[in-house]
């Protein structure tokens, strides 16, 4: 099981960690939420947990807990700018449907 990151996502995380001055990377996961059932969670972390699966992209580490990895397998994490908006985009091949507002998904 694996995930990938685009260069734009890696560069964005690396810049943020540099500005932050500390941290070991980001944690990506899913939680029950929204009208479609699940939502993505992304947070900057200072250390990984023993049970985490860790993926490295240059100096950027991505930690994923085992339960979330099942839903994130094959996902590409991108960082996109669209007009005045910018943010992370999850290109997840496991998604079968998304809610109209784009905040949650179902597999």
N, C-alpha and C. Protein backbone atom coordinates (compact mmCIF):
# COMPACT_ATOMS: atom_id res chain seq x y z
N UNK A 1 0.85 -1.17 0.00
CA UNK A 1 0.00 0.00 0.00
C UNK A 1 0.89 1.24 0.00
N UNK A 2 0.46 2.23 -0.76
CA UNK A 2 1.29 3.43 -0.87
C UNK A 2 0.46 4.64 -1.28
N UNK A 3 1.03 5.81 -1.04
CA UNK A 3 0.49 7.06 -1.56
C UNK A 3 1.62 7.78 -2.28
N UNK A 4 1.29 8.83 -3.02
CA UNK A 4 2.30 9.63 -3.70
C UNK A 4 1.98 11.11 -3.51
N UNK A 5 2.98 11.93 -3.76
CA UNK A 5 2.82 13.39 -3.67
C UNK A 5 3.39 14.02 -4.93
N UNK A 6 2.70 15.04 -5.42
CA UNK A 6 3.24 15.80 -6.54
C UNK A 6 4.36 16.70 -6.03
N UNK A 7 5.17 17.19 -6.96
CA UNK A 7 6.24 18.12 -6.58
C UNK A 7 5.67 19.36 -5.90
N UNK A 8 4.51 19.84 -6.37
CA UNK A 8 3.89 21.03 -5.78
C UNK A 8 3.53 20.78 -4.32
N UNK A 9 3.01 19.59 -4.01
CA UNK A 9 2.65 19.27 -2.62
C UNK A 9 3.89 19.13 -1.75
N UNK A 10 4.91 18.46 -2.26
CA UNK A 10 6.16 18.29 -1.50
C UNK A 10 6.77 19.65 -1.21
N UNK A 11 6.84 20.52 -2.22
CA UNK A 11 7.43 21.84 -2.03
C UNK A 11 6.65 22.68 -1.03
N UNK A 12 5.31 22.61 -1.08
CA UNK A 12 4.49 23.38 -0.15
C UNK A 12 4.72 22.92 1.29
N UNK A 13 4.71 21.62 1.51
CA UNK A 13 4.92 21.10 2.86
C UNK A 13 6.32 21.45 3.35
N UNK A 14 7.33 21.30 2.50
CA UNK A 14 8.71 21.61 2.90
C UNK A 14 8.85 23.08 3.28
N UNK A 15 8.25 23.98 2.51
CA UNK A 15 8.30 25.41 2.84
C UNK A 15 7.61 25.70 4.17
N UNK A 16 6.47 25.07 4.40
CA UNK A 16 5.73 25.29 5.64
C UNK A 16 6.54 24.78 6.84
N UNK A 17 7.12 23.59 6.71
CA UNK A 17 7.92 23.05 7.81
C UNK A 17 9.13 23.93 8.10
N UNK A 18 9.72 24.49 7.05
CA UNK A 18 10.86 25.39 7.24
C UNK A 18 10.43 26.65 7.99
N UNK A 19 9.30 27.24 7.60
CA UNK A 19 8.78 28.42 8.30
C UNK A 19 8.42 28.09 9.75
N UNK A 20 7.86 26.90 9.96
CA UNK A 20 7.43 26.48 11.28
C UNK A 20 8.63 26.30 12.21
N UNK A 21 9.75 25.89 11.64
CA UNK A 21 10.97 25.76 12.43
C UNK A 21 11.17 24.41 13.10
N UNK A 22 10.17 23.55 13.05
CA UNK A 22 10.28 22.21 13.62
C UNK A 22 9.21 21.34 13.02
N UNK A 23 9.33 20.06 13.25
CA UNK A 23 8.34 19.11 12.75
C UNK A 23 8.99 18.03 11.92
N UNK A 24 8.34 16.88 11.89
CA UNK A 24 8.88 15.77 11.14
C UNK A 24 8.11 15.50 9.85
N UNK A 25 7.01 16.22 9.63
CA UNK A 25 6.24 16.01 8.41
C UNK A 25 4.77 16.26 8.62
N UNK A 26 3.97 15.50 7.89
CA UNK A 26 2.51 15.63 7.99
C UNK A 26 1.89 14.27 8.25
N UNK A 27 0.73 14.31 8.88
CA UNK A 27 -0.10 13.12 9.06
C UNK A 27 -1.32 13.28 8.17
N UNK A 28 -1.59 12.25 7.40
CA UNK A 28 -2.76 12.24 6.53
C UNK A 28 -3.64 11.09 7.00
N UNK A 29 -4.94 11.35 7.09
CA UNK A 29 -5.85 10.30 7.53
C UNK A 29 -7.27 10.59 7.07
N UNK A 30 -8.17 9.74 7.50
CA UNK A 30 -9.59 9.93 7.23
C UNK A 30 -10.34 9.80 8.54
N UNK A 31 -11.49 10.45 8.62
CA UNK A 31 -12.36 10.33 9.79
C UNK A 31 -13.80 10.30 9.31
N UNK A 32 -14.66 9.78 10.12
CA UNK A 32 -16.09 9.76 9.81
C UNK A 32 -16.62 11.17 9.95
N UNK A 33 -17.24 11.67 8.87
CA UNK A 33 -17.73 13.05 8.88
C UNK A 33 -18.51 13.34 7.61
N UNK A 34 -19.26 14.41 7.64
CA UNK A 34 -19.93 14.92 6.45
C UNK A 34 -21.11 14.09 6.01
N UNK A 35 -21.67 14.51 4.88
CA UNK A 35 -22.88 13.87 4.39
C UNK A 35 -22.60 12.60 3.58
N UNK A 36 -21.34 12.41 3.13
CA UNK A 36 -21.01 11.21 2.37
C UNK A 36 -20.30 10.14 3.20
N UNK A 37 -19.92 10.46 4.42
CA UNK A 37 -19.38 9.44 5.29
C UNK A 37 -17.97 9.64 5.81
N UNK A 38 -17.05 10.12 4.97
CA UNK A 38 -15.67 10.26 5.40
C UNK A 38 -15.09 11.58 4.93
N UNK A 39 -14.12 12.10 5.69
CA UNK A 39 -13.44 13.33 5.31
C UNK A 39 -11.94 13.15 5.53
N UNK A 40 -11.15 13.86 4.76
CA UNK A 40 -9.70 13.81 4.91
C UNK A 40 -9.26 14.67 6.09
N UNK A 41 -8.18 14.23 6.72
CA UNK A 41 -7.56 14.97 7.82
C UNK A 41 -6.09 15.13 7.46
N UNK A 42 -5.59 16.34 7.60
CA UNK A 42 -4.18 16.60 7.34
C UNK A 42 -3.66 17.52 8.43
N UNK A 43 -2.57 17.12 9.07
CA UNK A 43 -2.01 17.94 10.13
C UNK A 43 -0.49 17.82 10.13
N UNK A 44 0.17 18.87 10.56
CA UNK A 44 1.62 18.84 10.69
C UNK A 44 1.96 18.19 12.02
N UNK A 45 3.01 17.36 12.02
CA UNK A 45 3.35 16.58 13.21
C UNK A 45 4.81 16.80 13.61
N UNK A 46 5.07 16.56 14.89
CA UNK A 46 6.43 16.65 15.40
C UNK A 46 7.08 15.28 15.53
N UNK A 47 6.26 14.24 15.58
CA UNK A 47 6.80 12.88 15.64
C UNK A 47 5.78 11.91 15.08
N UNK A 48 6.27 10.77 14.60
CA UNK A 48 5.37 9.74 14.09
C UNK A 48 5.05 8.76 15.22
N UNK A 49 3.93 8.10 15.09
CA UNK A 49 3.52 7.09 16.06
C UNK A 49 4.08 5.73 15.62
N UNK A 50 4.24 4.82 16.57
CA UNK A 50 4.82 3.50 16.28
C UNK A 50 4.05 2.75 15.20
N UNK A 51 2.72 2.88 15.19
CA UNK A 51 1.91 2.11 14.24
C UNK A 51 1.80 2.77 12.86
N UNK A 52 2.30 3.99 12.71
CA UNK A 52 2.19 4.71 11.44
C UNK A 52 3.00 4.06 10.33
N UNK A 53 2.45 4.10 9.14
CA UNK A 53 3.20 3.78 7.93
C UNK A 53 3.78 5.10 7.45
N UNK A 54 5.07 5.17 7.21
CA UNK A 54 5.72 6.43 6.85
C UNK A 54 6.23 6.36 5.42
N UNK A 55 5.91 7.39 4.64
CA UNK A 55 6.38 7.52 3.26
C UNK A 55 7.26 8.77 3.20
N UNK A 56 8.37 8.69 2.50
CA UNK A 56 9.28 9.82 2.43
C UNK A 56 9.39 10.32 0.99
N UNK A 57 9.30 11.65 0.86
CA UNK A 57 9.42 12.33 -0.42
C UNK A 57 10.46 13.43 -0.24
N UNK A 58 11.73 13.10 -0.50
CA UNK A 58 12.79 14.05 -0.20
C UNK A 58 12.88 14.24 1.30
N UNK A 59 12.79 15.49 1.75
CA UNK A 59 12.84 15.80 3.19
C UNK A 59 11.47 15.75 3.86
N UNK A 60 10.44 15.46 3.10
CA UNK A 60 9.07 15.46 3.63
C UNK A 60 8.64 14.03 3.96
N UNK A 61 8.18 13.86 5.20
CA UNK A 61 7.67 12.57 5.65
C UNK A 61 6.15 12.66 5.79
N UNK A 62 5.47 11.61 5.33
CA UNK A 62 4.02 11.52 5.44
C UNK A 62 3.70 10.29 6.28
N UNK A 63 3.02 10.50 7.41
CA UNK A 63 2.63 9.41 8.31
C UNK A 63 1.14 9.14 8.13
N UNK A 64 0.81 7.85 8.04
CA UNK A 64 -0.59 7.45 7.89
C UNK A 64 -0.86 6.29 8.84
N UNK A 65 -1.94 6.39 9.61
CA UNK A 65 -2.29 5.30 10.51
C UNK A 65 -2.84 4.12 9.69
N UNK A 66 -2.71 2.90 10.19
CA UNK A 66 -3.11 1.71 9.43
C UNK A 66 -4.57 1.70 8.98
N UNK A 67 -5.49 2.21 9.80
CA UNK A 67 -6.91 2.21 9.42
C UNK A 67 -7.16 3.15 8.26
N UNK A 68 -6.51 4.31 8.25
CA UNK A 68 -6.69 5.27 7.16
C UNK A 68 -6.04 4.80 5.87
N UNK A 69 -4.92 4.07 5.98
CA UNK A 69 -4.19 3.64 4.79
C UNK A 69 -5.05 2.79 3.87
N UNK A 70 -5.96 2.02 4.44
CA UNK A 70 -6.86 1.20 3.63
C UNK A 70 -7.66 2.08 2.66
N UNK A 71 -8.10 3.25 3.13
CA UNK A 71 -8.91 4.15 2.31
C UNK A 71 -8.06 5.06 1.42
N UNK A 72 -6.78 5.22 1.77
CA UNK A 72 -5.90 6.15 1.05
C UNK A 72 -4.96 5.45 0.07
N UNK A 73 -4.95 4.14 0.03
CA UNK A 73 -4.03 3.42 -0.84
C UNK A 73 -4.19 3.88 -2.29
N UNK A 74 -3.09 4.26 -2.90
CA UNK A 74 -3.10 4.71 -4.29
C UNK A 74 -3.38 6.20 -4.46
N UNK A 75 -3.62 6.92 -3.37
CA UNK A 75 -3.95 8.34 -3.44
C UNK A 75 -2.74 9.18 -3.79
N UNK A 76 -2.96 10.18 -4.64
CA UNK A 76 -1.95 11.19 -4.93
C UNK A 76 -2.34 12.47 -4.22
N UNK A 77 -1.44 13.01 -3.42
CA UNK A 77 -1.67 14.27 -2.72
C UNK A 77 -1.05 15.38 -3.55
N UNK A 78 -1.86 16.35 -3.93
CA UNK A 78 -1.42 17.46 -4.77
C UNK A 78 -1.70 18.77 -4.04
N UNK A 79 -1.01 19.82 -4.43
CA UNK A 79 -1.29 21.16 -3.92
C UNK A 79 -1.59 22.02 -5.14
N UNK A 80 -2.82 22.55 -5.19
CA UNK A 80 -3.26 23.27 -6.38
C UNK A 80 -3.67 24.70 -6.05
N UNK A 81 -3.50 25.55 -7.04
CA UNK A 81 -3.96 26.94 -6.96
C UNK A 81 -4.96 27.12 -8.09
N UNK A 82 -6.18 27.52 -7.72
CA UNK A 82 -7.25 27.74 -8.68
C UNK A 82 -7.85 29.11 -8.41
N UNK A 83 -7.46 30.08 -9.22
CA UNK A 83 -7.91 31.45 -8.99
C UNK A 83 -7.32 31.97 -7.69
N UNK A 84 -8.18 32.44 -6.81
CA UNK A 84 -7.73 32.96 -5.52
C UNK A 84 -7.60 31.86 -4.46
N UNK A 85 -8.06 30.67 -4.78
CA UNK A 85 -8.04 29.56 -3.82
C UNK A 85 -6.82 28.67 -4.03
N UNK A 86 -6.31 28.15 -2.93
CA UNK A 86 -5.24 27.17 -3.01
C UNK A 86 -5.41 26.19 -1.87
N UNK A 87 -4.95 24.96 -2.10
CA UNK A 87 -5.06 23.97 -1.05
C UNK A 87 -4.67 22.59 -1.55
N UNK A 88 -4.70 21.64 -0.62
CA UNK A 88 -4.38 20.27 -0.97
C UNK A 88 -5.56 19.62 -1.67
N UNK A 89 -5.23 18.78 -2.63
CA UNK A 89 -6.24 18.03 -3.37
C UNK A 89 -5.86 16.56 -3.29
N UNK A 90 -6.82 15.72 -2.92
CA UNK A 90 -6.61 14.29 -2.81
C UNK A 90 -7.16 13.62 -4.06
N UNK A 91 -6.29 13.05 -4.86
CA UNK A 91 -6.71 12.29 -6.04
C UNK A 91 -6.73 10.81 -5.62
N UNK A 92 -7.91 10.39 -5.14
CA UNK A 92 -8.06 9.08 -4.51
C UNK A 92 -8.85 8.14 -5.42
N UNK A 93 -8.19 7.08 -5.93
CA UNK A 93 -8.88 6.15 -6.82
C UNK A 93 -9.94 5.29 -6.13
N UNK A 94 -9.98 5.29 -4.80
CA UNK A 94 -10.92 4.48 -4.05
C UNK A 94 -12.28 5.15 -3.86
N UNK A 95 -12.38 6.43 -4.17
CA UNK A 95 -13.61 7.18 -3.95
C UNK A 95 -14.67 6.76 -4.96
N UNK A 96 -15.85 6.41 -4.44
CA UNK A 96 -16.96 6.04 -5.33
C UNK A 96 -17.95 7.19 -5.50
N UNK A 97 -18.02 8.09 -4.50
CA UNK A 97 -18.89 9.25 -4.60
C UNK A 97 -18.42 10.33 -3.64
N UNK A 98 -18.80 11.57 -3.95
CA UNK A 98 -18.48 12.71 -3.10
C UNK A 98 -19.75 13.51 -2.87
N UNK A 99 -19.78 14.23 -1.75
CA UNK A 99 -20.95 15.07 -1.51
C UNK A 99 -20.86 16.31 -2.39
N UNK A 100 -21.94 17.00 -2.54
CA UNK A 100 -22.00 18.17 -3.40
C UNK A 100 -21.09 19.29 -2.99
N UNK A 101 -20.84 19.44 -1.70
CA UNK A 101 -19.98 20.53 -1.23
C UNK A 101 -18.51 20.18 -1.32
N UNK A 102 -18.18 18.89 -1.57
CA UNK A 102 -16.79 18.48 -1.71
C UNK A 102 -16.05 18.22 -0.41
N UNK A 103 -16.76 18.26 0.71
CA UNK A 103 -16.10 18.09 2.01
C UNK A 103 -15.96 16.64 2.43
N UNK A 104 -16.77 15.74 1.88
CA UNK A 104 -16.69 14.35 2.31
C UNK A 104 -16.83 13.42 1.11
N UNK A 105 -16.52 12.13 1.34
CA UNK A 105 -16.53 11.15 0.27
C UNK A 105 -16.95 9.79 0.80
N UNK A 106 -17.19 8.87 -0.12
CA UNK A 106 -17.56 7.51 0.20
C UNK A 106 -16.70 6.59 -0.65
N UNK A 107 -16.40 5.42 -0.13
CA UNK A 107 -15.61 4.43 -0.89
C UNK A 107 -16.44 3.19 -1.15
